[in-house]
Protein backbone atom coordinates (compact mmCIF):
# COMPACT_ATOMS: atom_id res chain seq x y z
CA MET A 1 0.00 0.00 0.00
CA VAL A 2 2.80 2.42 0.90
CA ARG A 3 4.62 1.54 -2.34
CA THR A 4 1.47 2.15 -4.39
CA PHE A 5 0.89 5.56 -2.83
CA ALA A 6 4.58 6.47 -3.25
CA PHE A 7 4.32 5.52 -6.94
CA LEU A 8 1.31 7.85 -7.40
CA ILE A 9 3.15 10.71 -5.70
CA ALA A 10 6.25 10.12 -7.86
CA LEU A 11 4.16 10.05 -11.04
CA LEU A 12 2.42 13.29 -10.03
CA TYR A 13 5.79 14.97 -9.42
CA PHE A 14 7.14 13.74 -12.77
CA THR A 15 4.14 14.94 -14.77
CA ILE A 16 4.10 18.37 -13.14
CA THR A 17 7.83 18.96 -13.57
CA SER A 18 7.66 17.76 -17.17
CA SER A 19 4.69 19.96 -18.03
CA ALA A 20 6.32 22.98 -16.38
CA GLN A 21 8.57 23.15 -19.43
CA THR A 22 5.57 23.89 -21.69
CA THR A 23 3.97 27.32 -22.20
CA ALA A 24 0.26 27.45 -22.95
CA THR A 25 -1.24 29.63 -25.68
CA ALA A 26 -4.65 29.95 -27.36
CA THR A 27 -5.64 26.96 -29.48
CA ALA A 28 -8.23 26.04 -32.10
CA ASP A 29 -10.60 23.05 -32.09
CA ALA A 30 -8.58 21.47 -34.88
CA GLU A 31 -6.70 18.22 -34.46
CA PRO A 32 -2.93 17.46 -34.18
CA PRO A 33 -0.10 18.24 -34.82
CA GLU A 34 0.36 19.24 -31.18
CA THR A 35 2.20 22.27 -29.86
CA VAL A 36 4.75 21.30 -27.23
CA VAL A 37 6.27 24.76 -26.81
CA ALA A 38 4.76 28.02 -28.08
CA PHE A 39 5.87 31.59 -27.49
CA SER A 40 5.99 35.02 -29.13
CA TRP A 41 7.76 38.36 -28.92
CA LYS A 42 7.44 41.82 -30.46
CA ASP A 43 10.28 43.66 -32.13
CA SER A 44 10.12 47.34 -31.12
CA SER A 45 11.16 48.34 -34.64
CA LYS A 46 8.23 46.47 -36.19
CA GLU A 47 4.51 46.46 -35.69
CA ASP A 48 4.15 42.73 -36.22
CA ARG A 49 4.67 40.16 -33.47
CA THR A 50 6.84 37.10 -34.20
CA TYR A 51 5.34 33.71 -33.29
CA VAL A 52 7.22 30.43 -32.82
CA SER A 53 5.79 26.98 -32.11
CA ILE A 54 7.67 23.71 -31.63
CA GLY A 55 5.72 20.46 -31.73
CA THR A 56 5.14 17.17 -33.46
CA GLY A 57 4.55 19.13 -36.65
CA GLY A 58 8.04 20.63 -36.47
CA VAL A 59 9.19 24.22 -35.85
CA LYS A 60 7.00 27.02 -37.19
CA VAL A 61 7.95 30.71 -37.33
CA GLY A 62 5.74 33.51 -38.57
CA ASN A 63 4.44 37.00 -37.95
CA ASN A 64 0.80 36.15 -37.31
CA THR A 65 -1.30 33.72 -35.32
CA GLU A 66 -1.61 31.32 -38.26
CA VAL A 67 1.50 29.65 -36.86
CA PHE A 68 -0.68 28.28 -34.07
CA GLN A 69 -3.56 27.14 -36.22
CA HIS A 70 -4.05 23.34 -36.30
CA SER A 71 -2.22 23.03 -32.99
CA GLU A 72 -3.45 21.90 -29.59
CA LYS A 73 -2.04 22.07 -26.08
CA ARG A 74 -0.67 18.82 -24.72
CA ALA A 75 -0.96 19.84 -21.05
CA ALA A 76 -3.52 22.04 -19.33
CA LEU A 77 -4.52 22.93 -15.78
CA HIS A 78 -8.07 22.42 -14.55
CA PHE A 79 -9.25 24.36 -11.50
CA LEU A 80 -11.83 23.19 -8.96
CA MET A 81 -13.64 19.88 -9.30
CA PHE A 82 -16.18 19.05 -6.59
CA ASP A 83 -17.88 15.75 -5.62
CA LEU A 84 -20.94 15.17 -3.46
CA GLY A 85 -22.15 11.64 -2.82
CA ILE A 86 -23.45 8.94 -0.47
CA ASN A 87 -21.22 6.48 1.43
CA ALA A 88 -21.82 2.79 2.09
CA LEU A 89 -19.82 -0.13 3.51
CA ASN A 90 -19.05 -3.48 1.93
CA ASP A 91 -18.66 -5.48 5.14
CA ARG A 92 -16.69 -8.69 4.55
CA THR A 93 -15.77 -9.29 8.21
CA ASP A 94 -15.65 -12.80 9.62
CA TYR A 95 -17.44 -11.98 12.88
CA SER A 96 -16.69 -15.43 14.28
CA GLY A 97 -12.93 -14.93 13.79
CA PRO A 98 -10.58 -14.07 16.68
CA ALA A 99 -9.73 -10.56 15.40
CA ALA A 100 -13.38 -9.45 15.30
CA GLN A 101 -14.20 -11.20 18.58
CA GLN A 102 -11.39 -9.36 20.37
CA TYR A 103 -12.07 -5.97 18.78
CA LEU A 104 -15.83 -5.95 19.44
CA GLN A 105 -16.26 -5.77 23.20
CA MET A 106 -19.98 -6.57 23.51
CA ASP A 107 -22.45 -9.43 23.72
CA GLY A 108 -21.89 -12.10 21.10
CA ASP A 109 -25.33 -11.77 19.51
CA ARG A 110 -24.52 -8.17 18.55
CA LYS A 111 -21.40 -9.13 16.58
CA ASN A 112 -22.72 -9.19 13.02
CA THR A 113 -22.98 -6.98 9.94
CA ASN A 114 -26.11 -5.30 11.31
CA LEU A 115 -23.93 -3.67 13.99
CA TYR A 116 -22.57 -1.25 11.36
CA SER A 117 -25.85 -0.42 9.61
CA LEU A 118 -25.85 3.17 8.35
CA ARG A 119 -28.25 6.06 8.10
CA GLN A 120 -27.61 6.05 4.39
CA LEU A 121 -28.78 9.52 3.36
CA LYS A 122 -26.73 11.10 6.17
CA SER A 123 -23.54 9.18 5.34
CA ILE A 124 -22.00 11.78 3.05
CA ASN A 125 -18.90 11.75 0.85
CA VAL A 126 -17.37 15.11 -0.16
CA ASN A 127 -14.27 15.45 -2.36
CA LEU A 128 -12.55 18.71 -3.28
CA TRP A 129 -9.99 18.83 -6.11
CA PRO A 130 -8.66 22.42 -6.28
CA ILE A 131 -6.20 21.89 -9.14
CA LEU A 132 -5.67 19.07 -11.62
CA LEU A 133 -3.22 18.55 -14.46
CA LYS A 134 -4.64 17.15 -17.70
CA LEU A 135 -2.28 15.48 -20.20
CA LYS A 136 -3.54 14.80 -23.70
CA LEU A 137 -2.70 11.30 -24.93
CA GLN A 138 -4.67 11.06 -28.19
CA GLY A 139 -7.12 13.21 -30.09
CA SER A 140 -9.23 12.89 -33.22
CA LYS A 141 -12.42 14.39 -34.56
CA ASN A 142 -14.66 12.03 -32.64
CA GLN A 143 -12.49 10.63 -29.86
CA LYS A 144 -10.20 12.15 -27.22
CA ILE A 145 -8.13 10.38 -24.58
CA SER A 146 -6.34 12.10 -21.72
CA LEU A 147 -4.76 11.38 -18.35
CA TYR A 148 -5.26 13.63 -15.36
CA THR A 149 -3.74 13.81 -11.91
CA GLY A 150 -3.34 16.32 -9.11
CA ALA A 151 -4.09 16.53 -5.40
CA GLY A 152 -7.16 17.06 -3.31
CA LEU A 153 -9.10 16.23 -0.17
CA GLN A 154 -11.58 13.41 0.39
CA PHE A 155 -14.02 13.41 3.33
CA TYR A 156 -16.00 10.35 4.43
CA ASN A 157 -18.84 10.49 6.98
CA PHE A 158 -20.58 7.37 8.31
CA ARG A 159 -23.72 7.82 10.42
CA PHE A 160 -24.54 4.71 12.46
CA ASN A 161 -27.97 3.47 13.51
CA LYS A 162 -26.60 1.53 16.49
CA ASN A 163 -25.16 3.04 19.67
CA ILE A 164 -21.61 1.87 19.05
CA SER A 165 -18.53 3.74 20.28
CA HIS A 166 -14.94 3.50 19.03
CA LEU A 167 -12.41 3.57 21.86
CA ASN A 168 -8.63 3.54 22.01
CA GLU A 169 -7.58 3.12 25.62
CA THR A 170 -5.17 0.23 26.21
CA THR A 171 -6.06 -1.20 22.78
CA PRO A 172 -8.49 -0.10 20.03
CA GLN A 173 -11.97 -1.57 20.48
CA VAL A 174 -15.64 -1.01 19.75
CA ILE A 175 -18.35 -1.24 22.43
CA HIS A 176 -22.13 -1.09 22.39
CA ASP A 177 -22.67 2.04 24.47
CA SER A 178 -25.11 2.43 27.36
CA VAL A 179 -26.60 5.72 26.09
CA GLN A 180 -28.90 6.56 23.19
CA PHE A 181 -27.21 8.80 20.59
CA SER A 182 -29.19 11.23 18.49
CA LYS A 183 -26.08 11.53 16.31
CA ASN A 184 -23.34 8.92 16.06
CA LYS A 185 -20.78 9.66 13.33
CA LEU A 186 -17.41 8.29 12.26
CA ALA A 187 -15.47 10.54 9.86
CA PHE A 188 -12.24 10.51 7.86
CA SER A 189 -10.24 13.05 5.89
CA TYR A 190 -7.60 12.06 3.32
CA LEU A 191 -5.02 13.91 1.29
CA SER A 192 -5.49 12.17 -2.04
CA VAL A 193 -3.85 11.85 -5.46
CA PRO A 194 -5.95 10.67 -8.44
CA LEU A 195 -4.58 9.01 -11.55
CA MET A 196 -7.46 8.88 -14.02
CA PHE A 197 -7.83 8.03 -17.70
CA ASN A 198 -10.48 10.18 -19.33
CA PHE A 199 -12.26 9.39 -22.60
CA LYS A 200 -14.50 11.64 -24.69
CA THR A 201 -16.59 10.25 -27.55
CA ARG A 202 -18.53 12.59 -29.82
CA MET A 203 -22.23 11.71 -29.82
CA GLY A 204 -23.15 14.39 -32.33
CA GLY A 205 -22.48 18.08 -32.83
CA ASP A 206 -21.03 19.58 -29.66
CA ILE A 207 -22.30 16.76 -27.43
CA TRP A 208 -19.60 14.47 -26.02
CA LEU A 209 -19.96 11.37 -23.87
CA ASN A 210 -17.37 11.78 -21.10
CA TYR A 211 -16.23 8.72 -19.11
CA GLY A 212 -13.17 7.58 -17.23
CA LEU A 213 -11.54 5.04 -14.95
CA GLY A 214 -8.54 5.10 -12.63
CA LEU A 215 -7.10 4.95 -9.13
CA ILE A 216 -7.07 7.33 -6.17
CA GLY A 217 -4.48 6.92 -3.43
CA GLY A 218 -4.95 8.67 -0.09
CA TYR A 219 -3.10 9.45 3.13
CA ARG A 220 -5.32 9.70 6.21
CA ILE A 221 -4.98 13.17 7.74
CA ASP A 222 -7.53 12.63 10.50
CA SER A 223 -10.17 10.25 11.82
CA TRP A 224 -12.70 11.12 14.50
CA THR A 225 -16.05 10.33 16.07
CA LYS A 226 -18.82 12.80 16.88
CA GLN A 227 -21.61 11.75 19.22
CA ILE A 228 -24.59 13.69 20.61
CA SER A 229 -26.73 12.43 23.48
CA ASP A 230 -28.83 13.87 26.32
CA GLU A 231 -26.52 12.31 28.90
CA ARG A 232 -23.18 13.52 27.53
CA GLY A 233 -24.02 16.36 25.18
CA LYS A 234 -21.72 16.74 22.17
CA VAL A 235 -18.49 14.69 22.30
CA LYS A 236 -15.72 14.59 19.67
CA ASN A 237 -12.82 12.16 19.77
CA HIS A 238 -9.93 12.49 17.28
CA ASP A 239 -7.92 9.27 17.20
CA PRO A 240 -6.39 6.82 14.69
CA PHE A 241 -8.27 3.95 16.45
CA ASP A 242 -7.62 0.84 14.33
CA PHE A 243 -7.69 2.36 10.84
CA GLN A 244 -5.24 2.10 7.95
CA GLN A 245 -3.02 5.13 7.34
CA PHE A 246 -3.25 4.77 3.53
CA ASN A 247 -6.10 3.84 1.25
CA LEU A 248 -6.45 2.94 -2.42
CA ASN A 249 -9.66 3.42 -4.42
CA LEU A 250 -10.89 2.29 -7.80
CA SER A 251 -12.79 5.21 -9.32
CA GLY A 252 -15.02 5.74 -12.35
CA GLU A 253 -17.12 8.54 -13.83
CA ILE A 254 -19.56 9.14 -16.67
CA GLY A 255 -21.39 12.19 -17.98
CA VAL A 256 -22.14 14.44 -20.93
CA ASN A 257 -19.72 17.26 -21.77
CA ASP A 258 -17.67 18.80 -18.94
CA TYR A 259 -20.17 20.04 -16.37
CA ILE A 260 -22.00 17.39 -14.33
CA HIS A 261 -20.95 13.75 -14.13
CA LEU A 262 -21.86 10.73 -12.05
CA TYR A 263 -18.90 9.28 -10.14
CA GLY A 264 -18.25 6.23 -8.02
CA THR A 265 -15.37 4.94 -5.88
CA TYR A 266 -14.66 1.60 -4.23
CA GLN A 267 -11.92 1.31 -1.63
CA ILE A 268 -9.79 -1.69 -2.58
CA SER A 269 -7.78 -1.52 0.63
CA ASN A 270 -9.28 -2.46 3.98
CA LEU A 271 -10.53 0.39 6.16
CA TYR A 272 -9.15 -1.33 9.27
CA SER A 273 -5.57 -2.38 9.93
CA ASN A 274 -5.95 -5.72 11.72
CA SER A 275 -9.49 -6.38 12.93
CA LEU A 276 -12.57 -5.96 10.74
CA ALA A 277 -12.76 -6.23 6.93
CA GLN A 278 -14.74 -3.27 5.59
CA HIS A 279 -14.45 -1.52 2.24
CA PRO A 280 -16.18 1.87 1.80
CA TYR A 281 -17.76 2.77 -1.52
CA CYS A 282 -19.74 5.78 -2.68
CA ILE A 283 -21.72 7.16 -5.61
CA GLY A 284 -22.60 10.75 -6.32
CA ILE A 285 -22.52 13.79 -8.56
CA ARG A 286 -19.34 15.44 -9.82
CA PHE A 287 -19.45 19.15 -10.60
CA PHE A 288 -17.06 20.96 -13.01
CA GLY A 289 -15.45 17.72 -14.23
CA ILE A 290 -12.68 17.45 -16.78
């Protein structure tokens, strides 16, 4: 898991440093050849500006913007992508196994998948991607393929129906509490790096089917519980408990054009480090997608 996340970070660093050598200019909707480097300057003794582009079509020099016609940027920055969705848990725990029996400090008849039932509509996933780097891989009149990466924040909230409490005293454990909670939440925040392949297929005119698939690796910044009851009031507890420090998600998206997409993620890695076997997944709406 650590190696996978380190690979994603290294790939992000490589793509950003490589693309930093390119300078973006205005482009047309035409297809390749691509412009790798494009720049211009103005001679004070002349009214015309000199334009130079270097790309797969060779080096072009001229005194008007026609030099850049039929060219397209290979790398581009995309600002602010936002996700809002619903969380769920794929619980694959062997509740009769020794790890689960030791971790769950409660009566035996409570130790089953129903213990972690969720208030589904209040179990919210929010992801914020402030800046992403898009790298063009292939482009034609009716099909475009790109790769994008960057960094962002993922937030997971799980609202439980049962009165369970996560503790970390001598050892991490979960108990069935003696009080009735009006709110019982477990939450996570991750610093995450996506590595997504994006495909666009022309459906007709200016309408494009936009879909993609990839991986998202995350480093857990924080995990905490928030409980509200008449007996104790509002109680927050920030603790690593028994959760993995890193996670790895399979992610997909589909939509029309670049505005609103449907997205989904499934956490391949286990949420817990050595006790239960739970894999969060979520579906939702993506705003301002690539």
